[in-house]
């Protein structure tokens, strides 16, 4: 099963591999993993009252500036996976880590990170995460 303990603020979501996720060999296409990371990241931010409408209401936008993924084993058509996301850093950029495990066997399938930069509403890049966002985030790095 899952060997790693995650921080208290981590969230886990479940995905089932559908035909539309797969290549002709019924293996989940590697690019779909980033869609699943996005779902988990959205839920993670929403759990901190930082869903897109709240971020925009505070006068900010966020953009992924770096994304990395390490694949360890494939997911196949019909299988279910658990995607866990958590914050690892909040300043100067926000870094989110992810793990995907097979829901039945617990096998570690992939791990990843994304890094997000914050801009003002007009698109001006901010040098660090604003305090209005930091107060809602659990980790200060």
N, C-alpha and C. Protein backbone atom coordinates (compact mmCIF):
# COMPACT_ATOMS: atom_id res chain seq x y z
N UNK A 1 0.83 -1.20 0.00
CA UNK A 1 0.00 0.00 0.00
C UNK A 1 0.87 1.25 0.00
N UNK A 2 0.25 2.41 0.19
CA UNK A 2 0.96 3.67 0.15
C UNK A 2 1.90 3.75 1.35
N UNK A 3 3.17 4.00 1.06
CA UNK A 3 4.19 4.00 2.11
C UNK A 3 4.47 5.38 2.68
N UNK A 4 4.12 6.39 1.99
CA UNK A 4 4.49 7.75 2.38
C UNK A 4 3.36 8.40 3.18
N UNK A 5 3.72 9.11 4.22
CA UNK A 5 2.70 9.88 4.91
C UNK A 5 2.69 11.28 4.31
N UNK A 6 1.53 11.82 4.17
CA UNK A 6 1.37 13.13 3.57
C UNK A 6 1.01 14.14 4.65
N UNK A 7 1.27 15.43 4.38
CA UNK A 7 0.88 16.44 5.36
C UNK A 7 -0.63 16.45 5.58
N UNK A 8 -1.02 16.99 6.69
CA UNK A 8 -2.43 17.02 7.06
C UNK A 8 -3.31 17.70 6.01
N UNK A 9 -2.77 18.69 5.32
CA UNK A 9 -3.57 19.44 4.35
C UNK A 9 -3.71 18.73 2.99
N UNK A 10 -3.04 17.62 2.79
CA UNK A 10 -3.10 16.90 1.51
C UNK A 10 -4.52 16.47 1.20
N UNK A 11 -4.84 16.43 -0.07
CA UNK A 11 -6.15 15.93 -0.50
C UNK A 11 -5.91 14.75 -1.46
N UNK A 12 -6.85 13.84 -1.49
CA UNK A 12 -6.78 12.71 -2.41
C UNK A 12 -8.08 12.61 -3.17
N UNK A 13 -7.96 12.44 -4.47
CA UNK A 13 -9.11 12.26 -5.33
C UNK A 13 -8.94 10.95 -6.10
N UNK A 14 -10.01 10.43 -6.62
CA UNK A 14 -9.98 9.15 -7.32
C UNK A 14 -10.33 9.36 -8.79
N UNK A 15 -9.62 8.66 -9.67
CA UNK A 15 -9.92 8.70 -11.10
C UNK A 15 -10.04 7.28 -11.62
N UNK A 16 -10.96 7.08 -12.54
CA UNK A 16 -11.10 5.79 -13.21
C UNK A 16 -10.69 5.99 -14.65
N UNK A 17 -9.82 5.12 -15.14
CA UNK A 17 -9.30 5.24 -16.50
C UNK A 17 -10.37 4.81 -17.49
N UNK A 18 -10.81 5.77 -18.29
CA UNK A 18 -11.79 5.51 -19.33
C UNK A 18 -11.12 5.31 -20.68
N UNK A 19 -11.88 4.85 -21.64
CA UNK A 19 -11.35 4.62 -22.98
C UNK A 19 -10.75 5.91 -23.56
N UNK A 20 -11.38 7.04 -23.28
CA UNK A 20 -10.90 8.32 -23.81
C UNK A 20 -9.57 8.75 -23.18
N UNK A 21 -9.12 8.08 -22.12
CA UNK A 21 -7.83 8.36 -21.50
C UNK A 21 -6.69 7.55 -22.11
N UNK A 22 -7.03 6.55 -22.92
CA UNK A 22 -6.07 5.53 -23.33
C UNK A 22 -5.57 5.68 -24.76
N UNK A 23 -4.39 5.07 -24.98
CA UNK A 23 -3.85 4.94 -26.32
C UNK A 23 -4.45 3.66 -26.94
N UNK A 24 -4.13 3.33 -28.18
CA UNK A 24 -4.72 2.13 -28.81
C UNK A 24 -4.42 0.81 -28.10
N UNK A 25 -3.43 0.79 -27.20
CA UNK A 25 -3.11 -0.43 -26.46
C UNK A 25 -3.81 -0.51 -25.11
N UNK A 26 -4.77 0.41 -24.86
CA UNK A 26 -5.56 0.46 -23.63
C UNK A 26 -4.72 0.84 -22.41
N UNK A 27 -3.64 1.58 -22.64
CA UNK A 27 -2.79 2.12 -21.57
C UNK A 27 -3.09 3.61 -21.46
N UNK A 28 -3.25 4.10 -20.25
CA UNK A 28 -3.52 5.53 -20.06
C UNK A 28 -2.39 6.35 -20.68
N UNK A 29 -2.73 7.27 -21.56
CA UNK A 29 -1.77 8.12 -22.24
C UNK A 29 -1.09 9.00 -21.19
N UNK A 30 0.23 9.17 -21.29
CA UNK A 30 1.00 9.88 -20.28
C UNK A 30 0.52 11.32 -20.06
N UNK A 31 0.01 11.98 -21.07
CA UNK A 31 -0.45 13.35 -20.92
C UNK A 31 -1.70 13.48 -20.05
N UNK A 32 -2.47 12.42 -19.94
CA UNK A 32 -3.68 12.45 -19.09
C UNK A 32 -3.34 12.64 -17.62
N UNK A 33 -2.17 12.20 -17.21
CA UNK A 33 -1.78 12.34 -15.82
C UNK A 33 -1.81 13.81 -15.39
N UNK A 34 -1.44 14.71 -16.31
CA UNK A 34 -1.45 16.13 -15.97
C UNK A 34 -2.88 16.64 -15.80
N UNK A 35 -3.83 16.07 -16.49
CA UNK A 35 -5.24 16.41 -16.25
C UNK A 35 -5.64 15.99 -14.84
N UNK A 36 -5.20 14.81 -14.43
CA UNK A 36 -5.53 14.32 -13.09
C UNK A 36 -4.84 15.14 -12.02
N UNK A 37 -3.61 15.58 -12.30
CA UNK A 37 -2.93 16.48 -11.36
C UNK A 37 -3.71 17.78 -11.22
N UNK A 38 -4.22 18.28 -12.34
CA UNK A 38 -5.00 19.53 -12.32
C UNK A 38 -6.26 19.38 -11.46
N UNK A 39 -6.94 18.25 -11.57
CA UNK A 39 -8.12 18.00 -10.76
C UNK A 39 -7.75 18.02 -9.28
N UNK A 40 -6.68 17.31 -8.93
CA UNK A 40 -6.25 17.27 -7.53
C UNK A 40 -5.79 18.64 -7.05
N UNK A 41 -5.04 19.36 -7.89
CA UNK A 41 -4.57 20.69 -7.50
C UNK A 41 -5.75 21.64 -7.30
N UNK A 42 -6.73 21.58 -8.16
CA UNK A 42 -7.92 22.42 -8.01
C UNK A 42 -8.62 22.14 -6.69
N UNK A 43 -8.76 20.87 -6.34
CA UNK A 43 -9.38 20.51 -5.07
C UNK A 43 -8.53 20.97 -3.89
N UNK A 44 -7.22 20.86 -4.03
CA UNK A 44 -6.32 21.31 -2.97
C UNK A 44 -6.47 22.82 -2.74
N UNK A 45 -6.44 23.60 -3.79
CA UNK A 45 -6.61 25.05 -3.65
C UNK A 45 -8.00 25.38 -3.11
N UNK A 46 -9.03 24.70 -3.60
CA UNK A 46 -10.39 24.95 -3.11
C UNK A 46 -10.50 24.65 -1.62
N UNK A 47 -9.76 23.65 -1.14
CA UNK A 47 -9.79 23.31 0.29
C UNK A 47 -9.19 24.43 1.15
N UNK A 48 -8.46 25.35 0.54
CA UNK A 48 -7.85 26.49 1.23
C UNK A 48 -8.58 27.79 0.89
N UNK A 49 -9.80 27.69 0.37
CA UNK A 49 -10.58 28.85 -0.07
C UNK A 49 -9.82 29.66 -1.12
N UNK A 50 -9.16 28.95 -2.00
CA UNK A 50 -8.43 29.59 -3.09
C UNK A 50 -8.78 28.96 -4.43
N UNK A 51 -10.07 28.76 -4.65
CA UNK A 51 -10.53 28.32 -5.96
C UNK A 51 -10.38 29.50 -6.92
N UNK A 52 -10.46 29.27 -8.19
CA UNK A 52 -10.23 30.33 -9.19
C UNK A 52 -11.05 31.58 -8.90
N UNK A 53 -12.35 31.50 -8.61
CA UNK A 53 -13.09 32.74 -8.35
C UNK A 53 -12.54 33.53 -7.15
N UNK A 54 -12.10 32.82 -6.10
CA UNK A 54 -11.55 33.52 -4.94
C UNK A 54 -10.21 34.16 -5.26
N UNK A 55 -9.37 33.47 -6.01
CA UNK A 55 -8.07 34.04 -6.39
C UNK A 55 -8.29 35.30 -7.22
N UNK A 56 -9.20 35.23 -8.17
CA UNK A 56 -9.48 36.39 -9.02
C UNK A 56 -10.09 37.53 -8.21
N UNK A 57 -10.95 37.19 -7.25
CA UNK A 57 -11.56 38.23 -6.41
C UNK A 57 -10.52 38.95 -5.56
N UNK A 58 -9.44 38.26 -5.21
CA UNK A 58 -8.35 38.88 -4.46
C UNK A 58 -7.44 39.73 -5.37
N UNK A 59 -7.68 39.67 -6.68
CA UNK A 59 -6.92 40.48 -7.63
C UNK A 59 -5.68 39.80 -8.19
N UNK A 60 -5.68 38.46 -8.20
CA UNK A 60 -4.51 37.73 -8.68
C UNK A 60 -4.88 36.67 -9.70
N UNK A 61 -3.86 36.18 -10.37
CA UNK A 61 -3.95 35.02 -11.25
C UNK A 61 -2.74 34.16 -10.96
N UNK A 62 -2.84 32.89 -11.33
CA UNK A 62 -1.70 31.98 -11.15
C UNK A 62 -1.49 31.21 -12.44
N UNK A 63 -0.21 30.93 -12.71
CA UNK A 63 0.15 30.19 -13.91
C UNK A 63 1.17 29.12 -13.55
N UNK A 64 1.02 27.97 -14.16
CA UNK A 64 2.03 26.92 -14.00
C UNK A 64 3.26 27.34 -14.80
N UNK A 65 4.40 27.40 -14.13
CA UNK A 65 5.64 27.79 -14.79
C UNK A 65 6.62 26.62 -14.91
N UNK A 66 6.34 25.53 -14.22
CA UNK A 66 7.17 24.34 -14.32
C UNK A 66 6.32 23.13 -13.97
N UNK A 67 6.49 22.04 -14.70
CA UNK A 67 5.77 20.80 -14.41
C UNK A 67 6.70 19.63 -14.72
N UNK A 68 6.76 18.68 -13.78
CA UNK A 68 7.62 17.51 -13.95
C UNK A 68 6.86 16.28 -13.47
N UNK A 69 7.08 15.18 -14.18
CA UNK A 69 6.42 13.93 -13.79
C UNK A 69 7.37 12.76 -14.01
N UNK A 70 7.37 11.87 -13.06
CA UNK A 70 8.14 10.63 -13.15
C UNK A 70 7.13 9.48 -13.13
N UNK A 71 7.12 8.68 -14.19
CA UNK A 71 6.20 7.56 -14.30
C UNK A 71 6.89 6.29 -13.87
N UNK A 72 6.24 5.51 -13.00
CA UNK A 72 6.83 4.27 -12.52
C UNK A 72 6.13 3.02 -13.08
N UNK A 73 4.83 3.11 -13.32
CA UNK A 73 4.08 1.96 -13.82
C UNK A 73 2.84 2.48 -14.56
N UNK A 74 2.35 1.72 -15.51
CA UNK A 74 1.20 2.18 -16.30
C UNK A 74 -0.13 1.96 -15.60
N UNK A 75 -1.09 2.75 -16.01
CA UNK A 75 -2.49 2.55 -15.64
C UNK A 75 -3.20 2.04 -16.88
N UNK A 76 -4.08 1.08 -16.69
CA UNK A 76 -4.77 0.46 -17.82
C UNK A 76 -6.25 0.80 -17.81
N UNK A 77 -6.87 0.61 -18.94
CA UNK A 77 -8.30 0.85 -19.10
C UNK A 77 -9.09 0.17 -17.99
N UNK A 78 -9.97 0.94 -17.33
CA UNK A 78 -10.83 0.41 -16.29
C UNK A 78 -10.25 0.43 -14.90
N UNK A 79 -8.94 0.67 -14.77
CA UNK A 79 -8.34 0.70 -13.45
C UNK A 79 -8.65 2.03 -12.75
N UNK A 80 -8.55 2.00 -11.43
CA UNK A 80 -8.82 3.18 -10.61
C UNK A 80 -7.54 3.58 -9.91
N UNK A 81 -7.30 4.90 -9.88
CA UNK A 81 -6.11 5.42 -9.22
C UNK A 81 -6.50 6.48 -8.21
N UNK A 82 -5.66 6.66 -7.23
CA UNK A 82 -5.82 7.72 -6.24
C UNK A 82 -4.72 8.76 -6.48
N UNK A 83 -5.13 10.01 -6.63
CA UNK A 83 -4.21 11.11 -6.88
C UNK A 83 -4.19 11.98 -5.63
N UNK A 84 -3.02 12.12 -5.03
CA UNK A 84 -2.86 12.93 -3.82
C UNK A 84 -2.04 14.16 -4.16
N UNK A 85 -2.45 15.32 -3.64
CA UNK A 85 -1.74 16.58 -3.87
C UNK A 85 -1.55 17.30 -2.55
N UNK A 86 -0.41 18.00 -2.43
CA UNK A 86 -0.14 18.79 -1.24
C UNK A 86 0.87 19.88 -1.58
N UNK A 87 0.87 20.93 -0.76
CA UNK A 87 1.81 22.03 -0.93
C UNK A 87 3.16 21.65 -0.33
N UNK A 88 4.24 21.97 -1.04
CA UNK A 88 5.57 21.77 -0.49
C UNK A 88 6.30 23.09 -0.28
N UNK A 89 5.85 24.14 -0.94
CA UNK A 89 6.43 25.47 -0.77
C UNK A 89 5.37 26.50 -1.15
N UNK A 90 5.48 27.67 -0.56
CA UNK A 90 4.50 28.73 -0.88
C UNK A 90 5.16 30.04 -1.29
N UNK A 91 6.46 30.18 -1.09
CA UNK A 91 7.13 31.42 -1.47
C UNK A 91 8.58 31.10 -1.82
N UNK A 92 9.13 31.75 -2.80
CA UNK A 92 8.52 32.82 -3.58
C UNK A 92 7.48 32.32 -4.58
N UNK A 93 7.54 31.03 -4.92
CA UNK A 93 6.54 30.42 -5.80
C UNK A 93 5.79 29.34 -5.03
N UNK A 94 4.65 28.95 -5.54
CA UNK A 94 3.87 27.88 -4.92
C UNK A 94 4.22 26.58 -5.61
N UNK A 95 4.63 25.59 -4.82
CA UNK A 95 4.99 24.30 -5.37
C UNK A 95 4.03 23.25 -4.81
N UNK A 96 3.47 22.45 -5.71
CA UNK A 96 2.54 21.39 -5.34
C UNK A 96 3.15 20.06 -5.77
N UNK A 97 3.12 19.09 -4.87
CA UNK A 97 3.60 17.73 -5.16
C UNK A 97 2.40 16.81 -5.32
N UNK A 98 2.60 15.74 -6.10
CA UNK A 98 1.54 14.79 -6.39
C UNK A 98 2.09 13.38 -6.34
N UNK A 99 1.22 12.45 -6.00
CA UNK A 99 1.51 11.04 -6.14
C UNK A 99 0.27 10.36 -6.68
N UNK A 100 0.49 9.39 -7.55
CA UNK A 100 -0.62 8.57 -8.04
C UNK A 100 -0.31 7.14 -7.65
N UNK A 101 -1.30 6.51 -7.00
CA UNK A 101 -1.19 5.11 -6.59
C UNK A 101 -2.39 4.34 -7.15
N UNK A 102 -2.15 3.09 -7.45
CA UNK A 102 -3.23 2.20 -7.88
C UNK A 102 -4.17 2.02 -6.70
N UNK A 103 -5.46 2.21 -6.92
CA UNK A 103 -6.43 2.17 -5.81
C UNK A 103 -6.56 0.79 -5.19
N UNK A 104 -6.36 -0.24 -5.95
CA UNK A 104 -6.53 -1.60 -5.43
C UNK A 104 -5.25 -2.16 -4.84
N UNK A 105 -4.15 -2.04 -5.59
CA UNK A 105 -2.90 -2.66 -5.16
C UNK A 105 -2.03 -1.73 -4.33
N UNK A 106 -2.27 -0.43 -4.41
CA UNK A 106 -1.43 0.54 -3.72
C UNK A 106 -0.12 0.82 -4.43
N UNK A 107 0.08 0.21 -5.60
CA UNK A 107 1.33 0.39 -6.34
C UNK A 107 1.52 1.86 -6.70
N UNK A 108 2.74 2.33 -6.52
CA UNK A 108 3.10 3.71 -6.84
C UNK A 108 3.23 3.81 -8.35
N UNK A 109 2.43 4.67 -8.98
CA UNK A 109 2.39 4.77 -10.43
C UNK A 109 3.14 5.98 -10.98
N UNK A 110 3.06 7.11 -10.27
CA UNK A 110 3.73 8.33 -10.74
C UNK A 110 3.87 9.30 -9.59
N UNK A 111 4.84 10.19 -9.73
CA UNK A 111 4.98 11.31 -8.80
C UNK A 111 5.32 12.53 -9.65
N UNK A 112 4.91 13.69 -9.16
CA UNK A 112 5.09 14.89 -9.97
C UNK A 112 5.12 16.14 -9.10
N UNK A 113 5.52 17.24 -9.71
CA UNK A 113 5.42 18.56 -9.08
C UNK A 113 5.00 19.57 -10.14
N UNK A 114 4.31 20.58 -9.67
CA UNK A 114 4.06 21.76 -10.50
C UNK A 114 4.44 22.97 -9.67
N UNK A 115 4.91 24.00 -10.34
CA UNK A 115 5.28 25.25 -9.70
C UNK A 115 4.42 26.34 -10.33
N UNK A 116 3.80 27.16 -9.45
CA UNK A 116 2.92 28.23 -9.92
C UNK A 116 3.47 29.59 -9.51
N UNK A 117 3.41 30.51 -10.44
CA UNK A 117 3.77 31.90 -10.18
C UNK A 117 2.48 32.70 -10.09
N UNK A 118 2.53 33.78 -9.34
CA UNK A 118 1.36 34.65 -9.16
C UNK A 118 1.58 35.94 -9.94
N UNK A 119 0.51 36.41 -10.56
CA UNK A 119 0.55 37.71 -11.23
C UNK A 119 -0.57 38.58 -10.67
N UNK A 120 -0.41 39.87 -10.86
CA UNK A 120 -1.51 40.80 -10.57
C UNK A 120 -2.57 40.58 -11.65
N UNK A 121 -3.74 41.14 -11.45
CA UNK A 121 -4.84 40.96 -12.40
C UNK A 121 -4.47 41.42 -13.81
N UNK A 122 -3.57 42.41 -13.90
CA UNK A 122 -3.17 42.92 -15.22
C UNK A 122 -2.09 42.08 -15.88
N UNK A 123 -1.65 40.98 -15.23
CA UNK A 123 -0.65 40.10 -15.80
C UNK A 123 0.77 40.39 -15.35
N UNK A 124 0.98 41.40 -14.52
CA UNK A 124 2.31 41.71 -14.01
C UNK A 124 2.79 40.61 -13.07
N UNK A 125 3.93 40.02 -13.40
CA UNK A 125 4.49 38.96 -12.57
C UNK A 125 4.91 39.51 -11.22
N UNK A 126 4.49 38.84 -10.16
CA UNK A 126 4.86 39.26 -8.80
C UNK A 126 6.09 38.48 -8.35
N UNK A 127 7.02 39.14 -7.66
CA UNK A 127 8.27 38.47 -7.27
C UNK A 127 8.10 37.37 -6.23
N UNK A 128 7.00 37.41 -5.49
CA UNK A 128 6.74 36.38 -4.48
C UNK A 128 5.23 36.26 -4.27
N UNK A 129 4.84 35.20 -3.64
CA UNK A 129 3.42 34.98 -3.38
C UNK A 129 2.90 36.06 -2.43
N UNK A 130 1.82 36.75 -2.80
CA UNK A 130 1.30 37.83 -1.96
C UNK A 130 0.77 37.32 -0.61
N UNK A 131 0.86 38.18 0.40
CA UNK A 131 0.39 37.83 1.74
C UNK A 131 -1.08 37.43 1.76
N UNK A 132 -1.90 38.04 0.89
CA UNK A 132 -3.32 37.70 0.83
C UNK A 132 -3.53 36.23 0.49
N UNK A 133 -2.61 35.63 -0.24
CA UNK A 133 -2.67 34.20 -0.55
C UNK A 133 -1.97 33.37 0.51
N UNK A 134 -0.82 33.88 0.98
CA UNK A 134 -0.05 33.13 1.99
C UNK A 134 -0.84 32.85 3.25
N UNK A 135 -1.70 33.77 3.64
CA UNK A 135 -2.47 33.56 4.87
C UNK A 135 -3.41 32.35 4.75
N UNK A 136 -3.71 31.92 3.53
CA UNK A 136 -4.60 30.77 3.33
C UNK A 136 -3.84 29.48 3.07
N UNK A 137 -2.54 29.58 2.93
CA UNK A 137 -1.74 28.40 2.59
C UNK A 137 -1.06 27.83 3.84
N UNK A 138 -0.91 26.50 3.90
CA UNK A 138 -0.40 25.89 5.13
C UNK A 138 1.11 25.88 5.29
N UNK A 139 1.85 26.04 4.22
CA UNK A 139 3.31 25.88 4.28
C UNK A 139 3.98 27.19 3.92
N UNK A 140 4.96 27.55 4.69
CA UNK A 140 5.77 28.72 4.34
C UNK A 140 7.21 28.23 4.16
N UNK A 141 7.75 28.47 2.99
CA UNK A 141 9.11 27.99 2.71
C UNK A 141 10.02 29.16 2.40
